[in-house]
Amino acid sequence: MAHDDTRDVERAWELMKKIGFAMLVTRDGDKLRARPMSAYLDRDANTIFFLTDARRHKDEEIECNPSVNLSFADASSQKYVSLTGTAVVSNDRAKIKELFSTPAKAWWDSAEDPNIRVLKITPDDAEFWDSPGTVISYVKMAAAAVTNTRPDLGENRKVSL
């Protein structure tokens, strides 16, 4: 069965936008580090932005190794996206002002805070899991266990972004 790559790419972006938060995974030497971040998606520019703090280690980790992973998860509806890409940290004050919103106020008093930086992720590819939801998934898993078959738990696609 052929898949519509354009539809799958759009679905990956839709899921990321709906979920809104991602675990940003960076490399700290030989170790992987993850932390939750509020994502600002710009589908037209094929870019995901985050506001970050220059005083935190993730900026240094990205400078040493710009390859990152973003993991978006909505466990209640069984929808997930894992994205790989390249990150760049900048001090683009206009972009900071544009992105500064209520979630950012939890960390900084204003967009003028000199410690705020923009983290720009250019995605390479993504994989998403789009399930019909928890209750339906459990019912399908139970039916599969009884019938000794594998459950159909929705779509799983890999896409180039």
N, C-alpha and C. Protein backbone atom coordinates (compact mmCIF):
# COMPACT_ATOMS: atom_id res chain seq x y z
N MET A 1 0.84 -1.18 0.00
CA MET A 1 0.00 0.00 0.00
C MET A 1 0.89 1.24 0.00
N ALA A 2 0.71 2.11 -0.95
CA ALA A 2 1.52 3.33 -1.06
C ALA A 2 1.02 4.37 -0.07
N HIS A 3 1.95 5.17 0.42
CA HIS A 3 1.59 6.22 1.37
C HIS A 3 1.81 7.57 0.71
N ASP A 4 0.97 8.51 1.07
CA ASP A 4 1.08 9.87 0.57
C ASP A 4 2.08 10.62 1.45
N ASP A 5 3.32 10.79 0.96
CA ASP A 5 4.36 11.44 1.76
C ASP A 5 3.97 12.84 2.18
N THR A 6 3.34 13.59 1.29
CA THR A 6 2.92 14.96 1.63
C THR A 6 1.94 14.94 2.79
N ARG A 7 0.98 14.05 2.73
CA ARG A 7 0.00 13.93 3.82
C ARG A 7 0.68 13.54 5.12
N ASP A 8 1.64 12.62 5.05
CA ASP A 8 2.35 12.18 6.24
C ASP A 8 3.20 13.30 6.83
N VAL A 9 3.85 14.09 5.99
CA VAL A 9 4.64 15.23 6.47
C VAL A 9 3.71 16.22 7.16
N GLU A 10 2.59 16.53 6.54
CA GLU A 10 1.64 17.46 7.14
C GLU A 10 1.11 16.92 8.46
N ARG A 11 0.86 15.62 8.54
CA ARG A 11 0.36 15.03 9.79
C ARG A 11 1.41 15.14 10.90
N ALA A 12 2.67 14.94 10.56
CA ALA A 12 3.74 15.09 11.57
C ALA A 12 3.74 16.51 12.12
N TRP A 13 3.65 17.51 11.25
CA TRP A 13 3.61 18.91 11.69
C TRP A 13 2.36 19.19 12.52
N GLU A 14 1.20 18.65 12.11
CA GLU A 14 -0.04 18.85 12.86
C GLU A 14 0.08 18.29 14.28
N LEU A 15 0.64 17.09 14.38
CA LEU A 15 0.79 16.47 15.69
C LEU A 15 1.73 17.28 16.59
N MET A 16 2.85 17.74 16.03
CA MET A 16 3.79 18.54 16.83
C MET A 16 3.13 19.82 17.31
N LYS A 17 2.36 20.46 16.43
CA LYS A 17 1.70 21.71 16.82
C LYS A 17 0.67 21.46 17.90
N LYS A 18 -0.11 20.40 17.75
CA LYS A 18 -1.15 20.08 18.73
C LYS A 18 -0.53 19.76 20.09
N ILE A 19 0.55 19.01 20.11
CA ILE A 19 1.18 18.63 21.38
C ILE A 19 1.86 19.83 22.02
N GLY A 20 2.62 20.59 21.24
CA GLY A 20 3.16 21.86 21.71
C GLY A 20 4.42 21.83 22.55
N PHE A 21 4.63 20.78 23.30
CA PHE A 21 5.83 20.67 24.13
C PHE A 21 6.65 19.49 23.65
N ALA A 22 7.96 19.63 23.74
CA ALA A 22 8.85 18.55 23.32
C ALA A 22 9.94 18.34 24.36
N MET A 23 10.41 17.13 24.44
CA MET A 23 11.63 16.85 25.18
C MET A 23 12.77 17.09 24.19
N LEU A 24 13.62 18.07 24.51
CA LEU A 24 14.78 18.38 23.68
C LEU A 24 15.93 17.53 24.19
N VAL A 25 16.48 16.70 23.31
CA VAL A 25 17.58 15.82 23.67
C VAL A 25 18.85 16.31 23.01
N THR A 26 19.86 16.58 23.85
CA THR A 26 21.17 17.01 23.37
C THR A 26 22.21 16.02 23.86
N ARG A 27 23.42 16.16 23.34
CA ARG A 27 24.51 15.30 23.76
C ARG A 27 25.45 16.10 24.66
N ASP A 28 25.70 15.55 25.84
CA ASP A 28 26.63 16.14 26.81
C ASP A 28 27.79 15.17 26.92
N GLY A 29 28.79 15.36 26.06
CA GLY A 29 29.88 14.38 25.98
C GLY A 29 29.33 13.07 25.47
N ASP A 30 29.48 12.00 26.25
CA ASP A 30 28.97 10.68 25.86
C ASP A 30 27.54 10.43 26.34
N LYS A 31 26.99 11.37 27.10
CA LYS A 31 25.66 11.18 27.68
C LYS A 31 24.61 11.99 26.92
N LEU A 32 23.39 11.47 26.93
CA LEU A 32 22.27 12.19 26.36
C LEU A 32 21.52 12.90 27.49
N ARG A 33 21.08 14.13 27.23
CA ARG A 33 20.33 14.92 28.20
C ARG A 33 19.02 15.35 27.56
N ALA A 34 17.94 15.27 28.32
CA ALA A 34 16.62 15.67 27.81
C ALA A 34 15.97 16.63 28.80
N ARG A 35 15.25 17.59 28.24
CA ARG A 35 14.49 18.52 29.07
C ARG A 35 13.28 19.01 28.29
N PRO A 36 12.15 19.28 29.01
CA PRO A 36 10.94 19.73 28.33
C PRO A 36 11.07 21.19 27.90
N MET A 37 10.57 21.47 26.72
CA MET A 37 10.63 22.82 26.14
C MET A 37 9.32 23.11 25.42
N SER A 38 8.93 24.38 25.43
CA SER A 38 7.74 24.84 24.72
C SER A 38 8.13 25.18 23.28
N ALA A 39 7.52 24.49 22.32
CA ALA A 39 7.90 24.62 20.91
C ALA A 39 7.06 25.67 20.19
N TYR A 40 7.73 26.42 19.31
CA TYR A 40 7.09 27.38 18.42
C TYR A 40 7.37 26.89 17.00
N LEU A 41 6.34 26.39 16.34
CA LEU A 41 6.52 25.80 15.01
C LEU A 41 6.29 26.83 13.92
N ASP A 42 7.17 26.82 12.92
CA ASP A 42 7.00 27.64 11.72
C ASP A 42 7.08 26.68 10.53
N ARG A 43 5.92 26.11 10.19
CA ARG A 43 5.85 25.10 9.13
C ARG A 43 6.37 25.66 7.81
N ASP A 44 6.03 26.91 7.48
CA ASP A 44 6.45 27.49 6.21
C ASP A 44 7.97 27.59 6.10
N ALA A 45 8.63 27.84 7.21
CA ALA A 45 10.09 27.94 7.21
C ALA A 45 10.75 26.60 7.52
N ASN A 46 9.95 25.54 7.73
CA ASN A 46 10.46 24.22 8.08
C ASN A 46 11.39 24.32 9.30
N THR A 47 10.90 25.02 10.34
CA THR A 47 11.72 25.31 11.50
C THR A 47 10.91 25.20 12.78
N ILE A 48 11.57 24.76 13.82
CA ILE A 48 10.98 24.75 15.16
C ILE A 48 11.87 25.61 16.03
N PHE A 49 11.25 26.56 16.73
CA PHE A 49 11.99 27.47 17.60
C PHE A 49 11.68 27.17 19.06
N PHE A 50 12.64 27.49 19.92
CA PHE A 50 12.47 27.45 21.36
C PHE A 50 13.16 28.68 21.91
N LEU A 51 12.66 29.17 23.04
CA LEU A 51 13.40 30.17 23.78
C LEU A 51 14.21 29.42 24.83
N THR A 52 15.45 29.82 24.99
CA THR A 52 16.34 29.13 25.92
C THR A 52 17.12 30.17 26.71
N ASP A 53 17.82 29.72 27.72
CA ASP A 53 18.56 30.61 28.60
C ASP A 53 20.05 30.39 28.41
N ALA A 54 20.78 31.47 28.15
CA ALA A 54 22.22 31.38 27.89
C ALA A 54 22.98 30.83 29.10
N ARG A 55 22.39 30.86 30.28
CA ARG A 55 23.05 30.38 31.48
C ARG A 55 22.91 28.88 31.68
N ARG A 56 22.21 28.21 30.79
CA ARG A 56 21.98 26.77 30.93
C ARG A 56 22.95 25.99 30.03
N HIS A 57 23.16 24.74 30.39
CA HIS A 57 24.15 23.92 29.70
C HIS A 57 23.76 23.49 28.30
N LYS A 58 22.46 23.47 28.00
CA LYS A 58 22.05 22.98 26.68
C LYS A 58 22.65 23.80 25.55
N ASP A 59 22.81 25.11 25.78
CA ASP A 59 23.40 25.96 24.73
C ASP A 59 24.84 25.54 24.44
N GLU A 60 25.59 25.25 25.47
CA GLU A 60 26.97 24.78 25.30
C GLU A 60 27.00 23.42 24.63
N GLU A 61 26.07 22.54 25.03
CA GLU A 61 26.01 21.20 24.44
C GLU A 61 25.72 21.29 22.94
N ILE A 62 24.82 22.19 22.57
CA ILE A 62 24.47 22.35 21.15
C ILE A 62 25.64 22.92 20.36
N GLU A 63 26.38 23.83 20.95
CA GLU A 63 27.56 24.37 20.26
C GLU A 63 28.58 23.26 19.97
N CYS A 64 28.72 22.31 20.90
CA CYS A 64 29.66 21.19 20.71
C CYS A 64 29.12 20.14 19.75
N ASN A 65 27.80 19.92 19.78
CA ASN A 65 27.19 18.92 18.92
C ASN A 65 25.77 19.37 18.58
N PRO A 66 25.57 19.96 17.40
CA PRO A 66 24.27 20.54 17.04
C PRO A 66 23.19 19.53 16.65
N SER A 67 23.51 18.24 16.61
CA SER A 67 22.49 17.22 16.29
C SER A 67 21.62 17.00 17.52
N VAL A 68 20.30 17.15 17.34
CA VAL A 68 19.37 17.03 18.45
C VAL A 68 18.20 16.12 18.08
N ASN A 69 17.47 15.72 19.11
CA ASN A 69 16.22 14.99 18.94
C ASN A 69 15.14 15.74 19.70
N LEU A 70 13.97 15.83 19.11
CA LEU A 70 12.79 16.37 19.78
C LEU A 70 11.78 15.24 19.89
N SER A 71 11.27 15.03 21.08
CA SER A 71 10.26 14.00 21.30
C SER A 71 8.98 14.66 21.81
N PHE A 72 7.95 14.63 20.98
CA PHE A 72 6.64 15.18 21.33
C PHE A 72 5.76 14.00 21.75
N ALA A 73 5.04 14.13 22.86
CA ALA A 73 4.21 13.02 23.32
C ALA A 73 2.91 13.53 23.93
N ASP A 74 1.82 12.94 23.49
CA ASP A 74 0.52 13.14 24.11
C ASP A 74 0.03 11.74 24.47
N ALA A 75 0.41 11.29 25.67
CA ALA A 75 0.10 9.93 26.09
C ALA A 75 -1.40 9.69 26.22
N SER A 76 -2.16 10.73 26.60
CA SER A 76 -3.59 10.54 26.79
C SER A 76 -4.31 10.19 25.49
N SER A 77 -3.79 10.67 24.36
CA SER A 77 -4.41 10.32 23.07
C SER A 77 -3.53 9.40 22.24
N GLN A 78 -2.42 8.94 22.83
CA GLN A 78 -1.52 7.99 22.17
C GLN A 78 -0.99 8.52 20.83
N LYS A 79 -0.50 9.79 20.87
CA LYS A 79 0.07 10.42 19.68
C LYS A 79 1.48 10.88 20.02
N TYR A 80 2.43 10.51 19.15
CA TYR A 80 3.84 10.77 19.42
C TYR A 80 4.57 11.17 18.14
N VAL A 81 5.58 12.04 18.29
CA VAL A 81 6.46 12.39 17.17
C VAL A 81 7.88 12.45 17.71
N SER A 82 8.79 11.81 17.00
CA SER A 82 10.22 11.90 17.31
C SER A 82 10.90 12.50 16.09
N LEU A 83 11.64 13.57 16.31
CA LEU A 83 12.24 14.33 15.21
C LEU A 83 13.74 14.46 15.43
N THR A 84 14.52 14.30 14.37
CA THR A 84 15.95 14.59 14.42
C THR A 84 16.21 15.83 13.59
N GLY A 85 17.19 16.61 14.04
CA GLY A 85 17.50 17.83 13.32
C GLY A 85 18.78 18.46 13.79
N THR A 86 19.03 19.66 13.28
CA THR A 86 20.23 20.42 13.61
C THR A 86 19.81 21.70 14.30
N ALA A 87 20.49 21.99 15.41
CA ALA A 87 20.15 23.15 16.22
C ALA A 87 21.20 24.23 16.12
N VAL A 88 20.73 25.48 16.22
CA VAL A 88 21.60 26.65 16.25
C VAL A 88 21.05 27.58 17.33
N VAL A 89 21.94 28.09 18.18
CA VAL A 89 21.55 29.06 19.20
C VAL A 89 21.93 30.45 18.69
N SER A 90 20.98 31.41 18.82
CA SER A 90 21.28 32.77 18.39
C SER A 90 20.75 33.78 19.39
N ASN A 91 21.21 35.00 19.24
CA ASN A 91 20.76 36.11 20.09
C ASN A 91 19.94 37.08 19.24
N ASP A 92 19.06 36.54 18.42
CA ASP A 92 18.20 37.32 17.53
C ASP A 92 17.12 37.99 18.38
N ARG A 93 17.34 39.24 18.78
CA ARG A 93 16.43 39.93 19.69
C ARG A 93 15.04 40.13 19.08
N ALA A 94 14.95 40.34 17.77
CA ALA A 94 13.64 40.50 17.13
C ALA A 94 12.85 39.19 17.22
N LYS A 95 13.51 38.07 16.99
CA LYS A 95 12.83 36.77 17.07
C LYS A 95 12.42 36.47 18.50
N ILE A 96 13.26 36.84 19.47
CA ILE A 96 12.94 36.63 20.87
C ILE A 96 11.66 37.40 21.21
N LYS A 97 11.57 38.65 20.79
CA LYS A 97 10.37 39.46 21.05
C LYS A 97 9.14 38.85 20.38
N GLU A 98 9.33 38.34 19.17
CA GLU A 98 8.22 37.72 18.44
C GLU A 98 7.70 36.47 19.16
N LEU A 99 8.60 35.67 19.71
CA LEU A 99 8.22 34.41 20.33
C LEU A 99 7.82 34.53 21.80
N PHE A 100 8.19 35.62 22.42
CA PHE A 100 7.94 35.77 23.85
C PHE A 100 6.43 35.79 24.12
N SER A 101 5.97 34.86 24.96
CA SER A 101 4.54 34.72 25.26
C SER A 101 4.38 34.22 26.69
N THR A 102 3.18 33.88 27.05
CA THR A 102 2.88 33.47 28.42
C THR A 102 3.79 32.36 28.95
N PRO A 103 4.05 31.28 28.20
CA PRO A 103 4.95 30.26 28.76
C PRO A 103 6.34 30.81 29.10
N ALA A 104 6.83 31.75 28.32
CA ALA A 104 8.16 32.32 28.56
C ALA A 104 8.19 33.14 29.84
N LYS A 105 7.05 33.71 30.22
CA LYS A 105 7.00 34.53 31.43
C LYS A 105 7.24 33.71 32.69
N ALA A 106 7.13 32.41 32.60
CA ALA A 106 7.44 31.55 33.74
C ALA A 106 8.94 31.55 34.02
N TRP A 107 9.74 31.90 33.01
CA TRP A 107 11.21 31.81 33.15
C TRP A 107 11.89 33.17 33.15
N TRP A 108 11.31 34.14 32.46
CA TRP A 108 11.92 35.47 32.35
C TRP A 108 10.86 36.54 32.57
N ASP A 109 11.28 37.69 33.08
CA ASP A 109 10.34 38.78 33.34
C ASP A 109 9.85 39.45 32.06
N SER A 110 10.74 39.54 31.07
CA SER A 110 10.35 40.19 29.82
C SER A 110 11.25 39.71 28.69
N ALA A 111 10.85 40.05 27.48
CA ALA A 111 11.64 39.69 26.30
C ALA A 111 12.97 40.42 26.27
N GLU A 112 13.11 41.43 27.11
CA GLU A 112 14.34 42.22 27.17
C GLU A 112 15.45 41.55 27.99
N ASP A 113 15.12 40.45 28.67
CA ASP A 113 16.12 39.77 29.49
C ASP A 113 17.32 39.40 28.61
N PRO A 114 18.51 39.84 28.96
CA PRO A 114 19.69 39.59 28.12
C PRO A 114 20.13 38.13 28.07
N ASN A 115 19.56 37.28 28.93
CA ASN A 115 19.94 35.86 28.96
C ASN A 115 19.13 35.00 28.00
N ILE A 116 18.06 35.55 27.43
CA ILE A 116 17.23 34.76 26.52
C ILE A 116 17.94 34.60 25.18
N ARG A 117 17.87 33.38 24.67
CA ARG A 117 18.39 33.07 23.33
C ARG A 117 17.30 32.34 22.55
N VAL A 118 17.48 32.31 21.25
CA VAL A 118 16.58 31.55 20.37
C VAL A 118 17.31 30.28 19.95
N LEU A 119 16.62 29.19 20.11
CA LEU A 119 17.13 27.90 19.64
C LEU A 119 16.33 27.55 18.39
N LYS A 120 17.02 27.44 17.28
CA LYS A 120 16.37 27.16 15.99
C LYS A 120 16.73 25.74 15.58
N ILE A 121 15.70 24.92 15.38
CA ILE A 121 15.89 23.54 14.95
C ILE A 121 15.45 23.40 13.50
N THR A 122 16.35 22.92 12.67
CA THR A 122 16.02 22.59 11.28
C THR A 122 15.88 21.07 11.22
N PRO A 123 14.65 20.58 11.01
CA PRO A 123 14.43 19.14 11.04
C PRO A 123 15.01 18.42 9.82
N ASP A 124 15.49 17.19 10.08
CA ASP A 124 15.93 16.31 9.00
C ASP A 124 14.83 15.32 8.67
N ASP A 125 14.37 14.63 9.71
CA ASP A 125 13.31 13.65 9.51
C ASP A 125 12.55 13.46 10.81
N ALA A 126 11.43 12.78 10.70
CA ALA A 126 10.59 12.53 11.87
C ALA A 126 9.91 11.19 11.71
N GLU A 127 9.49 10.66 12.85
CA GLU A 127 8.67 9.46 12.86
C GLU A 127 7.51 9.75 13.79
N PHE A 128 6.29 9.40 13.34
CA PHE A 128 5.14 9.63 14.21
C PHE A 128 4.32 8.38 14.37
N TRP A 129 3.64 8.33 15.51
CA TRP A 129 2.71 7.28 15.85
C TRP A 129 1.39 7.97 16.14
N ASP A 130 0.37 7.64 15.39
CA ASP A 130 -0.93 8.31 15.47
C ASP A 130 -1.99 7.26 15.76
N SER A 131 -2.27 7.04 17.02
CA SER A 131 -3.18 5.99 17.47
C SER A 131 -4.60 6.53 17.62
N PRO A 132 -5.58 5.65 17.60
CA PRO A 132 -6.96 6.10 17.78
C PRO A 132 -7.28 6.52 19.22
N GLY A 133 -6.36 6.35 20.15
CA GLY A 133 -6.59 6.75 21.53
C GLY A 133 -6.43 5.60 22.49
N THR A 134 -6.32 5.92 23.76
CA THR A 134 -6.00 4.93 24.79
C THR A 134 -7.05 3.83 24.91
N VAL A 135 -8.32 4.19 25.06
CA VAL A 135 -9.36 3.18 25.28
C VAL A 135 -9.45 2.24 24.09
N ILE A 136 -9.50 2.80 22.90
CA ILE A 136 -9.60 1.97 21.69
C ILE A 136 -8.35 1.10 21.56
N SER A 137 -7.18 1.65 21.86
CA SER A 137 -5.94 0.88 21.78
C SER A 137 -5.96 -0.30 22.74
N TYR A 138 -6.44 -0.07 23.97
CA TYR A 138 -6.51 -1.17 24.94
C TYR A 138 -7.48 -2.25 24.48
N VAL A 139 -8.60 -1.85 23.93
CA VAL A 139 -9.58 -2.82 23.43
C VAL A 139 -8.95 -3.64 22.29
N LYS A 140 -8.26 -2.95 21.37
CA LYS A 140 -7.62 -3.66 20.25
C LYS A 140 -6.52 -4.60 20.74
N MET A 141 -5.75 -4.17 21.77
CA MET A 141 -4.70 -5.03 22.31
C MET A 141 -5.31 -6.26 22.98
N ALA A 142 -6.39 -6.07 23.71
CA ALA A 142 -7.05 -7.21 24.37
C ALA A 142 -7.59 -8.18 23.32
N ALA A 143 -8.23 -7.65 22.28
CA ALA A 143 -8.76 -8.51 21.21
C ALA A 143 -7.63 -9.26 20.51
N ALA A 144 -6.52 -8.59 20.29
CA ALA A 144 -5.37 -9.25 19.64
C ALA A 144 -4.81 -10.35 20.52
N ALA A 145 -4.77 -10.13 21.82
CA ALA A 145 -4.26 -11.16 22.74
C ALA A 145 -5.15 -12.40 22.71
N VAL A 146 -6.46 -12.18 22.65
CA VAL A 146 -7.40 -13.30 22.62
C VAL A 146 -7.32 -14.06 21.31
N THR A 147 -7.15 -13.33 20.20
CA THR A 147 -7.15 -13.96 18.87
C THR A 147 -5.74 -14.33 18.39
N ASN A 148 -4.74 -14.04 19.22
CA ASN A 148 -3.34 -14.34 18.88
C ASN A 148 -2.92 -13.65 17.57
N THR A 149 -3.33 -12.37 17.43
CA THR A 149 -2.94 -11.55 16.28
C THR A 149 -2.27 -10.28 16.80
N ARG A 150 -1.77 -9.47 15.88
CA ARG A 150 -1.18 -8.19 16.26
C ARG A 150 -2.23 -7.09 16.11
N PRO A 151 -2.32 -6.18 17.08
CA PRO A 151 -3.34 -5.13 16.99
C PRO A 151 -2.97 -4.04 16.01
N ASP A 152 -3.99 -3.47 15.37
CA ASP A 152 -3.80 -2.29 14.52
C ASP A 152 -3.99 -1.07 15.41
N LEU A 153 -2.87 -0.43 15.80
CA LEU A 153 -2.94 0.69 16.74
C LEU A 153 -2.76 2.03 16.06
N GLY A 154 -3.08 2.13 14.79
CA GLY A 154 -2.99 3.41 14.10
C GLY A 154 -1.81 3.47 13.16
N GLU A 155 -1.50 4.69 12.74
CA GLU A 155 -0.44 4.89 11.76
C GLU A 155 0.92 5.12 12.41
N ASN A 156 1.94 4.57 11.79
CA ASN A 156 3.33 4.82 12.16
C ASN A 156 4.05 5.08 10.85
N ARG A 157 4.62 6.30 10.72
CA ARG A 157 5.29 6.69 9.50
C ARG A 157 6.61 7.37 9.79
N LYS A 158 7.56 7.17 8.88
CA LYS A 158 8.81 7.92 8.88
C LYS A 158 8.76 8.87 7.71
N VAL A 159 9.12 10.14 7.95
CA VAL A 159 9.06 11.15 6.88
C VAL A 159 10.31 12.00 6.88
N SER A 160 10.70 12.45 5.71
CA SER A 160 11.79 13.42 5.58
C SER A 160 11.16 14.80 5.60
N LEU A 161 11.74 15.69 6.39
CA LEU A 161 11.17 17.04 6.50
C LEU A 161 12.00 18.05 5.81
